[in-house]
PDB file of N, CA and C in Angstrom:
ATOM      1  N   UNK A   1      92.895 125.277  83.389  1.00  0.00           N
ATOM      2  CA  UNK A   1      92.327 124.702  82.178  1.00  0.00           C
ATOM      3  C   UNK A   1      91.098 125.537  81.803  1.00  0.00           C
ATOM      4  N   UNK A   2      91.051 125.994  80.551  1.00  0.00           N
ATOM      5  CA  UNK A   2      89.882 126.754  80.109  1.00  0.00           C
ATOM      6  C   UNK A   2      88.804 125.807  79.583  1.00  0.00           C
ATOM      7  N   UNK A   3      87.640 126.364  79.248  1.00  0.00           N
ATOM      8  CA  UNK A   3      86.488 125.551  78.832  1.00  0.00           C
ATOM      9  C   UNK A   3      86.790 124.727  77.587  1.00  0.00           C
ATOM     10  N   UNK A   4      87.498 125.303  76.621  1.00  0.00           N
ATOM     11  CA  UNK A   4      87.815 124.586  75.386  1.00  0.00           C
ATOM     12  C   UNK A   4      88.714 123.380  75.667  1.00  0.00           C
ATOM     13  N   UNK A   5      89.708 123.563  76.507  1.00  0.00           N
ATOM     14  CA  UNK A   5      90.594 122.457  76.871  1.00  0.00           C
ATOM     15  C   UNK A   5      89.819 121.377  77.624  1.00  0.00           C
ATOM     16  N   UNK A   6      88.905 121.794  78.500  1.00  0.00           N
ATOM     17  CA  UNK A   6      88.101 120.845  79.260  1.00  0.00           C
ATOM     18  C   UNK A   6      87.255 119.985  78.331  1.00  0.00           C
ATOM     19  N   UNK A   7      86.554 120.622  77.392  1.00  0.00           N
ATOM     20  CA  UNK A   7      85.705 119.876  76.461  1.00  0.00           C
ATOM     21  C   UNK A   7      86.528 118.910  75.631  1.00  0.00           C
ATOM     22  N   UNK A   8      87.672 119.339  75.182  1.00  0.00           N
ATOM     23  CA  UNK A   8      88.536 118.470  74.371  1.00  0.00           C
ATOM     24  C   UNK A   8      89.090 117.298  75.172  1.00  0.00           C
ATOM     25  N   UNK A   9      89.171 117.448  76.489  1.00  0.00           N
ATOM     26  CA  UNK A   9      89.720 116.380  77.331  1.00  0.00           C
ATOM     27  C   UNK A   9      88.666 115.350  77.728  1.00  0.00           C
ATOM     28  N   UNK A  10      87.391 115.664  77.569  1.00  0.00           N
ATOM     29  CA  UNK A  10      86.323 114.748  77.992  1.00  0.00           C
ATOM     30  C   UNK A  10      86.118 113.674  76.926  1.00  0.00           C
ATOM     31  N   UNK A  11      86.304 112.432  77.320  1.00  0.00           N
ATOM     32  CA  UNK A  11      86.050 111.301  76.421  1.00  0.00           C
ATOM     33  C   UNK A  11      84.563 110.955  76.473  1.00  0.00           C
ATOM     34  N   UNK A  12      84.060 110.222  75.484  1.00  0.00           N
ATOM     35  CA  UNK A  12      82.654 109.790  75.554  1.00  0.00           C
ATOM     36  C   UNK A  12      82.346 108.992  76.828  1.00  0.00           C
ATOM     37  N   UNK A  13      83.296 108.189  77.285  1.00  0.00           N
ATOM     38  CA  UNK A  13      83.100 107.411  78.507  1.00  0.00           C
ATOM     39  C   UNK A  13      83.009 108.332  79.723  1.00  0.00           C
ATOM     40  N   UNK A  14      83.870 109.339  79.773  1.00  0.00           N
ATOM     41  CA  UNK A  14      83.838 110.298  80.884  1.00  0.00           C
ATOM     42  C   UNK A  14      82.531 111.093  80.849  1.00  0.00           C
ATOM     43  N   UNK A  15      82.077 111.453  79.652  1.00  0.00           N
ATOM     44  CA  UNK A  15      80.802 112.165  79.514  1.00  0.00           C
ATOM     45  C   UNK A  15      79.659 111.333  80.087  1.00  0.00           C
ATOM     46  N   UNK A  16      79.621 110.045  79.787  1.00  0.00           N
ATOM     47  CA  UNK A  16      78.559 109.179  80.299  1.00  0.00           C
ATOM     48  C   UNK A  16      78.581 109.133  81.824  1.00  0.00           C
ATOM     49  N   UNK A  17      79.774 109.095  82.410  1.00  0.00           N
ATOM     50  CA  UNK A  17      79.891 109.101  83.876  1.00  0.00           C
ATOM     51  C   UNK A  17      79.409 110.424  84.451  1.00  0.00           C
ATOM     52  N   UNK A  18      79.786 111.517  83.809  1.00  0.00           N
ATOM     53  CA  UNK A  18      79.354 112.837  84.274  1.00  0.00           C
ATOM     54  C   UNK A  18      77.837 112.982  84.163  1.00  0.00           C
ATOM     55  N   UNK A  19      77.287 112.522  83.055  1.00  0.00           N
ATOM     56  CA  UNK A  19      75.846 112.602  82.847  1.00  0.00           C
ATOM     57  C   UNK A  19      75.106 111.787  83.902  1.00  0.00           C
ATOM     58  N   UNK A  20      75.589 110.594  84.187  1.00  0.00           N
ATOM     59  CA  UNK A  20      74.986 109.760  85.223  1.00  0.00           C
ATOM     60  C   UNK A  20      75.033 110.485  86.569  1.00  0.00           C
ATOM     61  N   UNK A  21      76.160 111.080  86.873  1.00  0.00           N
ATOM     62  CA  UNK A  21      76.323 111.792  88.144  1.00  0.00           C
ATOM     63  C   UNK A  21      75.343 112.957  88.254  1.00  0.00           C
ATOM     64  N   UNK A  22      75.171 113.696  87.170  1.00  0.00           N
ATOM     65  CA  UNK A  22      74.239 114.831  87.179  1.00  0.00           C
ATOM     66  C   UNK A  22      72.805 114.340  87.348  1.00  0.00           C
ATOM     67  N   UNK A  23      72.449 113.275  86.639  1.00  0.00           N
ATOM     68  CA  UNK A  23      71.071 112.775  86.673  1.00  0.00           C
ATOM     69  C   UNK A  23      70.700 112.142  88.003  1.00  0.00           C
ATOM     70  N   UNK A  24      71.649 111.464  88.643  1.00  0.00           N
ATOM     71  CA  UNK A  24      71.327 110.713  89.855  1.00  0.00           C
ATOM     72  C   UNK A  24      71.855 111.334  91.144  1.00  0.00           C
ATOM     73  N   UNK A  25      72.846 112.219  91.026  1.00  0.00           N
ATOM     74  CA  UNK A  25      73.470 112.780  92.220  1.00  0.00           C
ATOM     75  C   UNK A  25      74.513 111.859  92.824  1.00  0.00           C
ATOM     76  N   UNK A  26      74.847 110.784  92.106  1.00  0.00           N
ATOM     77  CA  UNK A  26      75.843 109.807  92.574  1.00  0.00           C
ATOM     78  C   UNK A  26      76.768 109.444  91.421  1.00  0.00           C
ATOM     79  N   UNK A  27      77.975 109.023  91.774  1.00  0.00           N
ATOM     80  CA  UNK A  27      78.868 108.438  90.793  1.00  0.00           C
ATOM     81  C   UNK A  27      78.394 107.021  90.515  1.00  0.00           C
ATOM     82  N   UNK A  28      78.762 106.440  89.372  1.00  0.00           N
ATOM     83  CA  UNK A  28      78.339 105.073  89.078  1.00  0.00           C
ATOM     84  C   UNK A  28      78.703 104.068  90.185  1.00  0.00           C
ATOM     85  N   UNK A  29      79.759 104.348  90.936  1.00  0.00           N
ATOM     86  CA  UNK A  29      80.170 103.461  92.033  1.00  0.00           C
ATOM     87  C   UNK A  29      79.269 103.603  93.252  1.00  0.00           C
ATOM     88  N   UNK A  30      78.435 104.674  93.295  1.00  0.00           N
ATOM     89  CA  UNK A  30      77.483 104.843  94.385  1.00  0.00           C
ATOM     90  C   UNK A  30      77.768 105.980  95.346  1.00  0.00           C
ATOM     91  N   UNK A  31      78.951 106.568  95.311  1.00  0.00           N
ATOM     92  CA  UNK A  31      79.226 107.663  96.243  1.00  0.00           C
ATOM     93  C   UNK A  31      78.468 108.918  95.812  1.00  0.00           C
ATOM     94  N   UNK A  32      77.972 109.650  96.810  1.00  0.00           N
ATOM     95  CA  UNK A  32      77.128 110.825  96.579  1.00  0.00           C
ATOM     96  C   UNK A  32      77.985 112.040  96.248  1.00  0.00           C
ATOM     97  N   UNK A  33      77.503 112.859  95.312  1.00  0.00           N
ATOM     98  CA  UNK A  33      78.196 114.090  94.941  1.00  0.00           C
ATOM     99  C   UNK A  33      77.771 115.219  95.874  1.00  0.00           C
ATOM    100  N   UNK A  34      78.692 116.122  96.153  1.00  0.00           N
ATOM    101  CA  UNK A  34      78.327 117.357  96.854  1.00  0.00           C
ATOM    102  C   UNK A  34      77.624 118.257  95.849  1.00  0.00           C
ATOM    103  N   UNK A  35      76.951 119.291  96.325  1.00  0.00           N
ATOM    104  CA  UNK A  35      76.274 120.211  95.408  1.00  0.00           C
ATOM    105  C   UNK A  35      77.287 120.880  94.479  1.00  0.00           C
ATOM    106  N   UNK A  36      78.461 121.206  94.995  1.00  0.00           N
ATOM    107  CA  UNK A  36      79.504 121.831  94.170  1.00  0.00           C
ATOM    108  C   UNK A  36      79.973 120.873  93.078  1.00  0.00           C
ATOM    109  N   UNK A  37      80.141 119.580  93.415  1.00  0.00           N
ATOM    110  CA  UNK A  37      80.548 118.590  92.414  1.00  0.00           C
ATOM    111  C   UNK A  37      79.464 118.427  91.348  1.00  0.00           C
ATOM    112  N   UNK A  38      78.213 118.388  91.787  1.00  0.00           N
ATOM    113  CA  UNK A  38      77.106 118.223  90.839  1.00  0.00           C
ATOM    114  C   UNK A  38      77.035 119.420  89.891  1.00  0.00           C
ATOM    115  N   UNK A  39      77.214 120.621  90.429  1.00  0.00           N
ATOM    116  CA  UNK A  39      77.206 121.828  89.597  1.00  0.00           C
ATOM    117  C   UNK A  39      78.346 121.797  88.575  1.00  0.00           C
ATOM    118  N   UNK A  40      79.530 121.386  89.019  1.00  0.00           N
ATOM    119  CA  UNK A  40      80.681 121.310  88.105  1.00  0.00           C
ATOM    120  C   UNK A  40      80.454 120.258  87.023  1.00  0.00           C
ATOM    121  N   UNK A  41      79.894 119.121  87.417  1.00  0.00           N
ATOM    122  CA  UNK A  41      79.590 118.063  86.445  1.00  0.00           C
ATOM    123  C   UNK A  41      78.574 118.557  85.425  1.00  0.00           C
ATOM    124  N   UNK A  42      77.561 119.284  85.892  1.00  0.00           N
ATOM    125  CA  UNK A  42      76.530 119.799  84.989  1.00  0.00           C
ATOM    126  C   UNK A  42      77.138 120.768  83.975  1.00  0.00           C
ATOM    127  N   UNK A  43      78.045 121.615  84.429  1.00  0.00           N
ATOM    128  CA  UNK A  43      78.712 122.542  83.504  1.00  0.00           C
ATOM    129  C   UNK A  43      79.521 121.774  82.464  1.00  0.00           C
ATOM    130  N   UNK A  44      80.226 120.729  82.901  1.00  0.00           N
ATOM    131  CA  UNK A  44      81.021 119.932  81.971  1.00  0.00           C
ATOM    132  C   UNK A  44      80.126 119.213  80.966  1.00  0.00           C
ATOM    133  N   UNK A  45      78.980 118.684  81.428  1.00  0.00           N
ATOM    134  CA  UNK A  45      78.035 118.006  80.533  1.00  0.00           C
ATOM    135  C   UNK A  45      77.502 118.987  79.495  1.00  0.00           C
ATOM    136  N   UNK A  46      77.146 120.180  79.933  1.00  0.00           N
ATOM    137  CA  UNK A  46      76.615 121.183  78.997  1.00  0.00           C
ATOM    138  C   UNK A  46      77.674 121.594  77.981  1.00  0.00           C
ATOM    139  N   UNK A  47      78.903 121.758  78.413  1.00  0.00           N
ATOM    140  CA  UNK A  47      79.982 122.105  77.481  1.00  0.00           C
ATOM    141  C   UNK A  47      80.206 120.983  76.472  1.00  0.00           C
ATOM    142  N   UNK A  48      80.214 119.743  76.945  1.00  0.00           N
ATOM    143  CA  UNK A  48      80.401 118.597  76.057  1.00  0.00           C
ATOM    144  C   UNK A  48      79.262 118.522  75.047  1.00  0.00           C
ATOM    145  N   UNK A  49      78.015 118.678  75.528  1.00  0.00           N
ATOM    146  CA  UNK A  49      76.864 118.630  74.627  1.00  0.00           C
ATOM    147  C   UNK A  49      76.926 119.742  73.589  1.00  0.00           C
ATOM    148  N   UNK A  50      77.400 120.909  73.988  1.00  0.00           N
ATOM    149  CA  UNK A  50      77.451 122.028  73.046  1.00  0.00           C
ATOM    150  C   UNK A  50      78.415 121.764  71.900  1.00  0.00           C
ATOM    151  N   UNK A  51      79.350 120.866  72.104  1.00  0.00           N
ATOM    152  CA  UNK A  51      80.300 120.529  71.046  1.00  0.00           C
ATOM    153  C   UNK A  51      79.887 119.284  70.263  1.00  0.00           C
ATOM    154  N   UNK A  52      79.261 118.309  70.928  1.00  0.00           N
ATOM    155  CA  UNK A  52      79.057 117.000  70.314  1.00  0.00           C
ATOM    156  C   UNK A  52      77.610 116.597  70.079  1.00  0.00           C
ATOM    157  N   UNK A  53      76.659 117.287  70.622  1.00  0.00           N
ATOM    158  CA  UNK A  53      75.272 116.830  70.580  1.00  0.00           C
ATOM    159  C   UNK A  53      74.616 117.152  69.235  1.00  0.00           C
ATOM    160  N   UNK A  54      74.645 116.182  68.320  1.00  0.00           N
ATOM    161  CA  UNK A  54      74.081 116.361  66.979  1.00  0.00           C
ATOM    162  C   UNK A  54      72.557 116.278  66.981  1.00  0.00           C
ATOM    163  N   UNK A  55      71.988 115.398  67.819  1.00  0.00           N
ATOM    164  CA  UNK A  55      70.539 115.213  67.875  1.00  0.00           C
ATOM    165  C   UNK A  55      70.055 115.527  69.281  1.00  0.00           C
ATOM    166  N   UNK A  56      69.892 116.797  69.554  1.00  0.00           N
ATOM    167  CA  UNK A  56      69.510 117.228  70.895  1.00  0.00           C
ATOM    168  C   UNK A  56      68.108 116.755  71.256  1.00  0.00           C
ATOM    169  N   UNK A  57      67.953 116.283  72.495  1.00  0.00           N
ATOM    170  CA  UNK A  57      66.662 115.865  73.009  1.00  0.00           C
ATOM    171  C   UNK A  57      65.964 117.084  73.616  1.00  0.00           C
ATOM    172  N   UNK A  58      64.769 116.890  74.115  1.00  0.00           N
ATOM    173  CA  UNK A  58      64.010 117.967  74.748  1.00  0.00           C
ATOM    174  C   UNK A  58      64.838 118.610  75.858  1.00  0.00           C
ATOM    175  N   UNK A  59      64.991 119.907  75.788  1.00  0.00           N
ATOM    176  CA  UNK A  59      65.705 120.712  76.777  1.00  0.00           C
ATOM    177  C   UNK A  59      67.141 120.245  77.002  1.00  0.00           C
ATOM    178  N   UNK A  60      67.925 120.217  75.953  1.00  0.00           N
ATOM    179  CA  UNK A  60      69.351 119.934  76.055  1.00  0.00           C
ATOM    180  C   UNK A  60      70.120 121.033  75.342  1.00  0.00           C
ATOM    181  N   UNK A  61      71.423 120.985  75.472  1.00  0.00           N
ATOM    182  CA  UNK A  61      72.281 121.926  74.764  1.00  0.00           C
ATOM    183  C   UNK A  61      72.716 121.248  73.475  1.00  0.00           C
ATOM    184  N   UNK A  62      72.342 121.826  72.348  1.00  0.00           N
ATOM    185  CA  UNK A  62      72.671 121.255  71.042  1.00  0.00           C
ATOM    186  C   UNK A  62      74.093 121.652  70.649  1.00  0.00           C
ATOM    187  N   UNK A  63      74.601 121.004  69.605  1.00  0.00           N
ATOM    188  CA  UNK A  63      75.929 121.331  69.100  1.00  0.00           C
ATOM    189  C   UNK A  63      75.973 122.809  68.752  1.00  0.00           C
ATOM    190  N   UNK A  64      77.037 123.474  69.137  1.00  0.00           N
ATOM    191  CA  UNK A  64      77.175 124.901  68.888  1.00  0.00           C
ATOM    192  C   UNK A  64      76.728 125.749  70.067  1.00  0.00           C
ATOM    193  N   UNK A  65      76.218 125.091  71.133  1.00  0.00           N
ATOM    194  CA  UNK A  65      75.836 125.815  72.333  1.00  0.00           C
ATOM    195  C   UNK A  65      74.401 126.288  72.378  1.00  0.00           C
ATOM    196  N   UNK A  66      73.618 125.970  71.343  1.00  0.00           N
ATOM    197  CA  UNK A  66      72.227 126.411  71.309  1.00  0.00           C
ATOM    198  C   UNK A  66      71.376 125.496  72.189  1.00  0.00           C
ATOM    199  N   UNK A  67      70.550 126.096  73.056  1.00  0.00           N
ATOM    200  CA  UNK A  67      69.654 125.307  73.894  1.00  0.00           C
ATOM    201  C   UNK A  67      68.489 124.859  73.029  1.00  0.00           C
ATOM    202  N   UNK A  68      68.240 123.553  73.049  1.00  0.00           N
ATOM    203  CA  UNK A  68      67.205 122.963  72.209  1.00  0.00           C
ATOM    204  C   UNK A  68      65.986 122.613  73.052  1.00  0.00           C
ATOM    205  N   UNK A  69      64.825 123.123  72.643  1.00  0.00           N
ATOM    206  CA  UNK A  69      63.558 122.787  73.288  1.00  0.00           C
ATOM    207  C   UNK A  69      62.646 122.186  72.236  1.00  0.00           C
ATOM    208  N   UNK A  70      62.069 121.040  72.531  1.00  0.00           N
ATOM    209  CA  UNK A  70      61.106 120.434  71.618  1.00  0.00           C
ATOM    210  C   UNK A  70      59.719 120.554  72.214  1.00  0.00           C
ATOM    211  N   UNK A  71      58.771 120.870  71.353  1.00  0.00           N
ATOM    212  CA  UNK A  71      57.393 120.991  71.808  1.00  0.00           C
ATOM    213  C   UNK A  71      56.810 119.609  72.084  1.00  0.00           C
ATOM    214  N   UNK A  72      55.670 119.599  72.756  1.00  0.00           N
ATOM    215  CA  UNK A  72      55.000 118.339  73.054  1.00  0.00           C
ATOM    216  C   UNK A  72      54.646 117.598  71.765  1.00  0.00           C
ATOM    217  N   UNK A  73      54.193 118.328  70.740  1.00  0.00           N
ATOM    218  CA  UNK A  73      53.835 117.678  69.474  1.00  0.00           C
ATOM    219  C   UNK A  73      55.069 117.099  68.777  1.00  0.00           C
ATOM    220  N   UNK A  74      56.207 117.802  68.858  1.00  0.00           N
ATOM    221  CA  UNK A  74      57.442 117.276  68.270  1.00  0.00           C
ATOM    222  C   UNK A  74      57.882 115.999  68.981  1.00  0.00           C
ATOM    223  N   UNK A  75      57.765 115.974  70.308  1.00  0.00           N
ATOM    224  CA  UNK A  75      58.128 114.783  71.065  1.00  0.00           C
ATOM    225  C   UNK A  75      57.197 113.630  70.745  1.00  0.00           C
ATOM    226  N   UNK A  76      55.897 113.914  70.600  1.00  0.00           N
ATOM    227  CA  UNK A  76      54.940 112.858  70.253  1.00  0.00           C
ATOM    228  C   UNK A  76      55.282 112.253  68.899  1.00  0.00           C
ATOM    229  N   UNK A  77      55.624 113.115  67.924  1.00  0.00           N
ATOM    230  CA  UNK A  77      56.009 112.617  66.604  1.00  0.00           C
ATOM    231  C   UNK A  77      57.256 111.754  66.697  1.00  0.00           C
ATOM    232  N   UNK A  78      58.223 112.203  67.469  1.00  0.00           N
ATOM    233  CA  UNK A  78      59.473 111.460  67.619  1.00  0.00           C
ATOM    234  C   UNK A  78      59.197 110.094  68.239  1.00  0.00           C
ATOM    235  N   UNK A  79      58.393 110.063  69.293  1.00  0.00           N
ATOM    236  CA  UNK A  79      58.114 108.789  69.957  1.00  0.00           C
ATOM    237  C   UNK A  79      57.185 107.914  69.136  1.00  0.00           C
ATOM    238  N   UNK A  80      56.337 108.506  68.314  1.00  0.00           N
ATOM    239  CA  UNK A  80      55.474 107.715  67.433  1.00  0.00           C
ATOM    240  C   UNK A  80      56.318 106.950  66.423  1.00  0.00           C
ATOM    241  N   UNK A  81      57.390 107.565  65.969  1.00  0.00           N
ATOM    242  CA  UNK A  81      58.292 106.913  65.019  1.00  0.00           C
ATOM    243  C   UNK A  81      59.117 105.812  65.683  1.00  0.00           C
ATOM    244  N   UNK A  82      59.262 105.871  67.011  1.00  0.00           N
ATOM    245  CA  UNK A  82      60.088 104.910  67.741  1.00  0.00           C
ATOM    246  C   UNK A  82      59.252 103.812  68.402  1.00  0.00           C
ATOM    247  N   UNK A  83      57.987 103.651  68.013  1.00  0.00           N
ATOM    248  CA  UNK A  83      57.107 102.704  68.695  1.00  0.00           C
ATOM    249  C   UNK A  83      57.606 101.272  68.626  1.00  0.00           C
ATOM    250  N   UNK A  84      58.314 100.913  67.592  1.00  0.00           N
ATOM    251  CA  UNK A  84      58.824  99.548  67.485  1.00  0.00           C
ATOM    252  C   UNK A  84      59.861  99.254  68.560  1.00  0.00           C
ATOM    253  N   UNK A  85      60.454 100.300  69.135  1.00  0.00           N
ATOM    254  CA  UNK A  85      61.487 100.130  70.149  1.00  0.00           C
ATOM    255  C   UNK A  85      60.913 100.049  71.562  1.00  0.00           C
ATOM    256  N   UNK A  86      59.593 100.201  71.706  1.00  0.00           N
ATOM    257  CA  UNK A  86      58.982 100.245  73.024  1.00  0.00           C
ATOM    258  C   UNK A  86      58.337  98.890  73.346  1.00  0.00           C
ATOM    259  N   UNK A  87      58.655  98.380  74.510  1.00  0.00           N
ATOM    260  CA  UNK A  87      58.043  97.146  74.977  1.00  0.00           C
ATOM    261  C   UNK A  87      56.804  97.515  75.785  1.00  0.00           C
ATOM    262  N   UNK A  88      55.657  97.055  75.353  1.00  0.00           N
ATOM    263  CA  UNK A  88      54.412  97.336  76.061  1.00  0.00           C
ATOM    264  C   UNK A  88      53.992  96.078  76.811  1.00  0.00           C
ATOM    265  N   UNK A  89      53.703  96.247  78.098  1.00  0.00           N
ATOM    266  CA  UNK A  89      53.357  95.125  78.958  1.00  0.00           C
ATOM    267  C   UNK A  89      51.989  95.380  79.566  1.00  0.00           C
ATOM    268  N   UNK A  90      51.124  94.370  79.514  1.00  0.00           N
ATOM    269  CA  UNK A  90      49.817  94.444  80.142  1.00  0.00           C
ATOM    270  C   UNK A  90      49.923  93.732  81.485  1.00  0.00           C
ATOM    271  N   UNK A  91      49.843  94.468  82.606  1.00  0.00           N
ATOM    272  CA  UNK A  91      50.041  93.836  83.913  1.00  0.00           C
ATOM    273  C   UNK A  91      48.920  92.855  84.263  1.00  0.00           C
ATOM    274  N   UNK A  92      47.764  92.939  83.582  1.00  0.00           N
ATOM    275  CA  UNK A  92      46.655  92.046  83.877  1.00  0.00           C
ATOM    276  C   UNK A  92      46.707  90.750  83.082  1.00  0.00           C
ATOM    277  N   UNK A  93      47.645  90.681  82.149  1.00  0.00           N
ATOM    278  CA  UNK A  93      47.781  89.503  81.309  1.00  0.00           C
ATOM    279  C   UNK A  93      48.534  88.416  82.072  1.00  0.00           C
ATOM    280  N   UNK A  94      48.026  87.174  82.030  1.00  0.00           N
ATOM    281  CA  UNK A  94      48.679  86.081  82.756  1.00  0.00           C
ATOM    282  C   UNK A  94      49.691  85.372  81.895  1.00  0.00           C
TER     283      UNK A  94
END
């Protein structure tokens, strides 16, 4: 199977599982990945992102295969716009 066939075979659900595995080093069921499995999953995630990632986050592969880097100021602006989505908790409040 070549890279194009692999990307076309990955469903959004499979992508989420692969992404979880890359981020945590485990499958969602809890079994640990070998380094070779993690590397393969990372390659599949990057290929999937290069085809489908319309809104790339800081240091991701954007649609078309371009690596996207956002500056600290760009991230601050993005998160400033999303403040309504953030739950702020004061641990000293009773």
